[in-house]
N, C-alpha and C. Protein backbone atom coordinates (compact mmCIF):
# COMPACT_ATOMS: atom_id res chain seq x y z
N MET A 1 0.85 -1.16 0.00
CA MET A 1 0.00 0.00 0.00
C MET A 1 0.91 1.23 0.00
N SER A 2 0.64 2.12 -0.94
CA SER A 2 1.45 3.33 -1.05
C SER A 2 0.99 4.35 -0.02
N PRO A 3 1.83 5.34 0.30
CA PRO A 3 1.43 6.34 1.28
C PRO A 3 0.29 7.23 0.79
N ALA A 4 0.05 7.23 -0.51
CA ALA A 4 -1.00 8.08 -1.06
C ALA A 4 -2.38 7.45 -0.93
N GLU A 5 -2.45 6.17 -0.51
CA GLU A 5 -3.73 5.48 -0.40
C GLU A 5 -4.04 5.17 1.05
N SER A 6 -5.30 5.16 1.35
CA SER A 6 -5.73 4.75 2.68
C SER A 6 -6.01 3.25 2.64
N PRO A 7 -6.26 2.62 3.77
CA PRO A 7 -6.45 1.18 3.79
C PRO A 7 -7.55 0.67 2.85
N GLY A 8 -8.61 1.41 2.62
CA GLY A 8 -9.71 0.96 1.78
C GLY A 8 -9.47 1.19 0.28
N GLY A 9 -8.29 1.68 -0.08
CA GLY A 9 -8.02 1.96 -1.48
C GLY A 9 -8.59 3.30 -1.94
N ARG A 10 -9.15 4.04 -1.00
CA ARG A 10 -9.72 5.35 -1.33
C ARG A 10 -8.66 6.42 -1.15
N PRO A 11 -8.85 7.57 -1.81
CA PRO A 11 -7.90 8.66 -1.58
C PRO A 11 -8.02 9.15 -0.15
N PRO A 12 -6.91 9.58 0.43
CA PRO A 12 -6.96 10.01 1.83
C PRO A 12 -7.78 11.29 1.97
N ARG A 13 -8.31 11.47 3.15
CA ARG A 13 -9.07 12.70 3.44
C ARG A 13 -8.06 13.77 3.86
N VAL A 14 -7.50 14.42 2.86
CA VAL A 14 -6.50 15.45 3.11
C VAL A 14 -7.19 16.80 3.09
N ARG A 15 -6.94 17.58 4.07
CA ARG A 15 -7.53 18.92 4.13
C ARG A 15 -6.80 19.84 3.17
N GLY A 16 -7.60 20.67 2.45
CA GLY A 16 -7.01 21.64 1.55
C GLY A 16 -6.30 22.72 2.35
N GLU A 17 -5.22 23.25 1.79
CA GLU A 17 -4.44 24.24 2.52
C GLU A 17 -5.23 25.54 2.70
N ALA A 18 -5.84 26.02 1.64
CA ALA A 18 -6.49 27.33 1.70
C ALA A 18 -7.88 27.25 2.31
N THR A 19 -8.66 26.23 1.96
CA THR A 19 -10.07 26.21 2.36
C THR A 19 -10.33 25.35 3.58
N GLY A 20 -9.48 24.40 3.88
CA GLY A 20 -9.71 23.53 5.01
C GLY A 20 -10.70 22.41 4.74
N GLU A 21 -11.15 22.25 3.49
CA GLU A 21 -12.10 21.19 3.19
C GLU A 21 -11.36 19.98 2.62
N THR A 22 -11.93 18.80 2.84
CA THR A 22 -11.31 17.58 2.34
C THR A 22 -11.65 17.40 0.86
N ARG A 23 -10.97 16.48 0.24
CA ARG A 23 -11.26 16.19 -1.17
C ARG A 23 -12.69 15.71 -1.35
N ILE A 24 -13.17 14.90 -0.42
CA ILE A 24 -14.53 14.38 -0.50
C ILE A 24 -15.54 15.52 -0.38
N GLU A 25 -15.29 16.43 0.56
CA GLU A 25 -16.19 17.58 0.72
C GLU A 25 -16.19 18.46 -0.52
N ARG A 26 -14.99 18.66 -1.10
CA ARG A 26 -14.91 19.48 -2.31
C ARG A 26 -15.64 18.82 -3.46
N ARG A 27 -15.46 17.49 -3.61
CA ARG A 27 -16.14 16.76 -4.68
C ARG A 27 -17.66 16.87 -4.53
N ALA A 28 -18.15 16.75 -3.30
CA ALA A 28 -19.59 16.85 -3.06
C ALA A 28 -20.09 18.26 -3.39
N ARG A 29 -19.31 19.28 -3.04
CA ARG A 29 -19.70 20.66 -3.33
C ARG A 29 -19.74 20.89 -4.83
N VAL A 30 -18.75 20.38 -5.55
CA VAL A 30 -18.71 20.56 -7.00
C VAL A 30 -19.87 19.82 -7.66
N GLU A 31 -20.16 18.60 -7.22
CA GLU A 31 -21.28 17.85 -7.80
C GLU A 31 -22.60 18.57 -7.54
N HIS A 32 -22.76 19.13 -6.36
CA HIS A 32 -23.99 19.87 -6.05
C HIS A 32 -24.11 21.10 -6.94
N SER A 33 -23.02 21.82 -7.14
CA SER A 33 -23.09 23.03 -7.97
C SER A 33 -23.34 22.66 -9.43
N GLN A 34 -22.86 21.50 -9.89
CA GLN A 34 -23.10 21.09 -11.27
C GLN A 34 -24.56 20.69 -11.46
N ARG A 35 -25.19 20.09 -10.44
CA ARG A 35 -26.62 19.76 -10.54
C ARG A 35 -27.48 21.01 -10.56
N ALA A 36 -27.06 22.06 -9.86
CA ALA A 36 -27.83 23.30 -9.78
C ALA A 36 -27.59 24.20 -10.99
N LEU A 37 -26.59 23.91 -11.80
CA LEU A 37 -26.22 24.78 -12.91
C LEU A 37 -27.29 24.90 -14.00
N PRO A 38 -27.84 23.82 -14.54
CA PRO A 38 -28.81 23.98 -15.63
C PRO A 38 -30.02 24.85 -15.30
N PRO A 39 -30.68 24.68 -14.14
CA PRO A 39 -31.81 25.58 -13.86
C PRO A 39 -31.38 27.04 -13.75
N ARG A 40 -30.20 27.28 -13.19
CA ARG A 40 -29.72 28.65 -13.07
C ARG A 40 -29.44 29.24 -14.44
N LEU A 41 -28.90 28.45 -15.35
CA LEU A 41 -28.63 28.95 -16.69
C LEU A 41 -29.93 29.23 -17.45
N VAL A 42 -30.95 28.42 -17.21
CA VAL A 42 -32.25 28.67 -17.84
C VAL A 42 -32.81 30.00 -17.33
N LEU A 43 -32.74 30.22 -16.02
CA LEU A 43 -33.20 31.49 -15.46
C LEU A 43 -32.39 32.66 -15.99
N LEU A 44 -31.10 32.47 -16.14
CA LEU A 44 -30.26 33.54 -16.68
C LEU A 44 -30.61 33.84 -18.14
N THR A 45 -30.94 32.81 -18.90
CA THR A 45 -31.36 33.01 -20.29
C THR A 45 -32.65 33.81 -20.34
N LEU A 46 -33.59 33.47 -19.48
CA LEU A 46 -34.85 34.22 -19.43
C LEU A 46 -34.61 35.67 -19.01
N ALA A 47 -33.71 35.88 -18.07
CA ALA A 47 -33.37 37.24 -17.66
C ALA A 47 -32.72 38.00 -18.82
N GLY A 48 -31.93 37.30 -19.63
CA GLY A 48 -31.32 37.93 -20.80
C GLY A 48 -32.36 38.35 -21.82
N PHE A 49 -33.35 37.50 -22.03
CA PHE A 49 -34.44 37.88 -22.95
C PHE A 49 -35.15 39.13 -22.44
N LEU A 50 -35.33 39.20 -21.15
CA LEU A 50 -36.00 40.37 -20.57
C LEU A 50 -35.12 41.61 -20.68
N LEU A 51 -33.85 41.49 -20.32
CA LEU A 51 -32.95 42.65 -20.35
C LEU A 51 -32.71 43.19 -21.76
N PHE A 52 -32.67 42.30 -22.73
CA PHE A 52 -32.36 42.73 -24.09
C PHE A 52 -33.60 42.72 -24.98
N GLY A 53 -34.77 42.71 -24.37
CA GLY A 53 -36.03 42.73 -25.10
C GLY A 53 -36.64 44.12 -25.14
N TYR A 54 -37.82 44.18 -25.72
CA TYR A 54 -38.50 45.44 -25.97
C TYR A 54 -38.67 46.35 -24.75
N PRO A 55 -39.18 45.88 -23.62
CA PRO A 55 -39.47 46.85 -22.56
C PRO A 55 -38.25 47.66 -22.11
N PHE A 56 -37.15 46.98 -21.87
CA PHE A 56 -35.98 47.69 -21.39
C PHE A 56 -35.30 48.51 -22.49
N LEU A 57 -35.24 47.97 -23.68
CA LEU A 57 -34.63 48.73 -24.77
C LEU A 57 -35.44 49.99 -25.07
N ALA A 58 -36.76 49.91 -24.95
CA ALA A 58 -37.60 51.09 -25.19
C ALA A 58 -37.36 52.16 -24.13
N VAL A 59 -37.09 51.75 -22.91
CA VAL A 59 -36.83 52.72 -21.84
C VAL A 59 -35.56 53.51 -22.13
N PHE A 60 -34.55 52.83 -22.63
CA PHE A 60 -33.25 53.48 -22.84
C PHE A 60 -33.07 54.08 -24.23
N SER A 61 -33.95 53.78 -25.16
CA SER A 61 -33.81 54.38 -26.49
C SER A 61 -34.50 55.73 -26.49
N GLY A 62 -33.78 56.69 -26.88
CA GLY A 62 -34.31 58.05 -26.90
C GLY A 62 -33.16 59.02 -27.14
N PRO A 63 -33.47 60.30 -27.09
CA PRO A 63 -32.42 61.28 -27.40
C PRO A 63 -31.47 61.54 -26.23
N ARG A 64 -31.67 60.91 -25.08
CA ARG A 64 -30.81 61.17 -23.92
C ARG A 64 -29.40 60.65 -24.15
N ARG A 65 -28.45 61.36 -23.56
CA ARG A 65 -27.04 60.99 -23.69
C ARG A 65 -26.36 61.03 -22.33
N LEU A 66 -25.33 60.23 -22.18
CA LEU A 66 -24.52 60.21 -20.98
C LEU A 66 -23.08 60.42 -21.41
N ALA A 67 -22.52 61.55 -21.07
CA ALA A 67 -21.16 61.92 -21.49
C ALA A 67 -21.03 61.91 -23.01
N GLY A 68 -22.08 62.31 -23.70
CA GLY A 68 -22.06 62.38 -25.16
C GLY A 68 -22.36 61.08 -25.86
N ILE A 69 -22.57 60.01 -25.11
CA ILE A 69 -22.85 58.69 -25.69
C ILE A 69 -24.34 58.42 -25.51
N PRO A 70 -25.00 57.96 -26.56
CA PRO A 70 -26.43 57.64 -26.40
C PRO A 70 -26.65 56.65 -25.25
N LEU A 71 -27.68 56.90 -24.46
CA LEU A 71 -27.96 56.08 -23.28
C LEU A 71 -28.21 54.62 -23.65
N LEU A 72 -28.78 54.36 -24.81
CA LEU A 72 -29.01 52.98 -25.25
C LEU A 72 -27.69 52.22 -25.37
N TYR A 73 -26.67 52.87 -25.94
CA TYR A 73 -25.37 52.21 -26.10
C TYR A 73 -24.74 51.93 -24.73
N VAL A 74 -24.85 52.88 -23.81
CA VAL A 74 -24.30 52.68 -22.47
C VAL A 74 -25.01 51.50 -21.80
N TYR A 75 -26.33 51.46 -21.90
CA TYR A 75 -27.09 50.37 -21.29
C TYR A 75 -26.70 49.02 -21.89
N LEU A 76 -26.65 48.94 -23.22
CA LEU A 76 -26.31 47.67 -23.86
C LEU A 76 -24.92 47.20 -23.46
N PHE A 77 -23.96 48.12 -23.43
CA PHE A 77 -22.59 47.75 -23.08
C PHE A 77 -22.51 47.25 -21.64
N LEU A 78 -23.11 47.99 -20.71
CA LEU A 78 -23.05 47.59 -19.30
C LEU A 78 -23.85 46.32 -19.02
N ALA A 79 -25.05 46.22 -19.61
CA ALA A 79 -25.87 45.02 -19.38
C ALA A 79 -25.18 43.78 -19.94
N TRP A 80 -24.59 43.91 -21.11
CA TRP A 80 -23.88 42.77 -21.71
C TRP A 80 -22.69 42.36 -20.85
N GLY A 81 -21.93 43.33 -20.35
CA GLY A 81 -20.79 43.02 -19.49
C GLY A 81 -21.20 42.33 -18.21
N VAL A 82 -22.24 42.82 -17.57
CA VAL A 82 -22.74 42.19 -16.34
C VAL A 82 -23.26 40.79 -16.63
N PHE A 83 -23.94 40.64 -17.75
CA PHE A 83 -24.46 39.34 -18.16
C PHE A 83 -23.32 38.32 -18.31
N ILE A 84 -22.25 38.73 -18.95
CA ILE A 84 -21.09 37.84 -19.13
C ILE A 84 -20.45 37.50 -17.79
N LEU A 85 -20.32 38.48 -16.91
CA LEU A 85 -19.74 38.22 -15.59
C LEU A 85 -20.59 37.24 -14.78
N VAL A 86 -21.90 37.37 -14.86
CA VAL A 86 -22.78 36.45 -14.14
C VAL A 86 -22.66 35.04 -14.70
N ILE A 87 -22.60 34.92 -16.02
CA ILE A 87 -22.42 33.59 -16.64
C ILE A 87 -21.11 32.98 -16.18
N ALA A 88 -20.03 33.76 -16.21
CA ALA A 88 -18.72 33.25 -15.79
C ALA A 88 -18.75 32.80 -14.34
N ARG A 89 -19.42 33.56 -13.50
CA ARG A 89 -19.50 33.21 -12.08
C ARG A 89 -20.32 31.93 -11.86
N LEU A 90 -21.39 31.76 -12.64
CA LEU A 90 -22.21 30.55 -12.51
C LEU A 90 -21.47 29.31 -12.98
N VAL A 91 -20.79 29.42 -14.09
CA VAL A 91 -20.12 28.26 -14.67
C VAL A 91 -18.87 27.87 -13.88
N ASP A 92 -18.15 28.86 -13.36
CA ASP A 92 -16.93 28.59 -12.61
C ASP A 92 -16.93 29.41 -11.32
N PRO A 93 -17.68 28.97 -10.31
CA PRO A 93 -17.88 29.79 -9.12
C PRO A 93 -16.61 30.13 -8.35
N GLY A 94 -15.65 29.22 -8.32
CA GLY A 94 -14.45 29.47 -7.53
C GLY A 94 -13.36 30.18 -8.30
N GLY A 95 -13.51 30.31 -9.58
CA GLY A 95 -12.43 30.90 -10.38
C GLY A 95 -11.24 29.96 -10.38
N ARG A 96 -11.19 29.07 -11.32
CA ARG A 96 -10.15 28.04 -11.34
C ARG A 96 -8.76 28.65 -11.29
N ARG A 97 -7.95 28.05 -10.47
CA ARG A 97 -6.54 28.48 -10.40
C ARG A 97 -5.71 27.46 -11.14
N ARG A 98 -4.98 27.93 -12.09
CA ARG A 98 -4.15 27.01 -12.89
C ARG A 98 -2.70 27.23 -12.59
């Protein structure tokens, strides 16, 4: 038996340096977040349809400007950026360290 294995042939319950959680706890957390991902992405898609659909675009389309830039362009740029950040956070909640 190698030092990397426990008596049952399972990986040892080694605590992570930064988080203090074991490999088993981390695996369970990752599996739980993967099961919760599809419904969250569906809700995010619906929110995207709402944000980039008629009601909100009509509110921001008009002659108003912010620092010389049409308000519609500012809204689209910021909403799209926030949308991408939320997707990135949902898909990779911990921010993978490579």
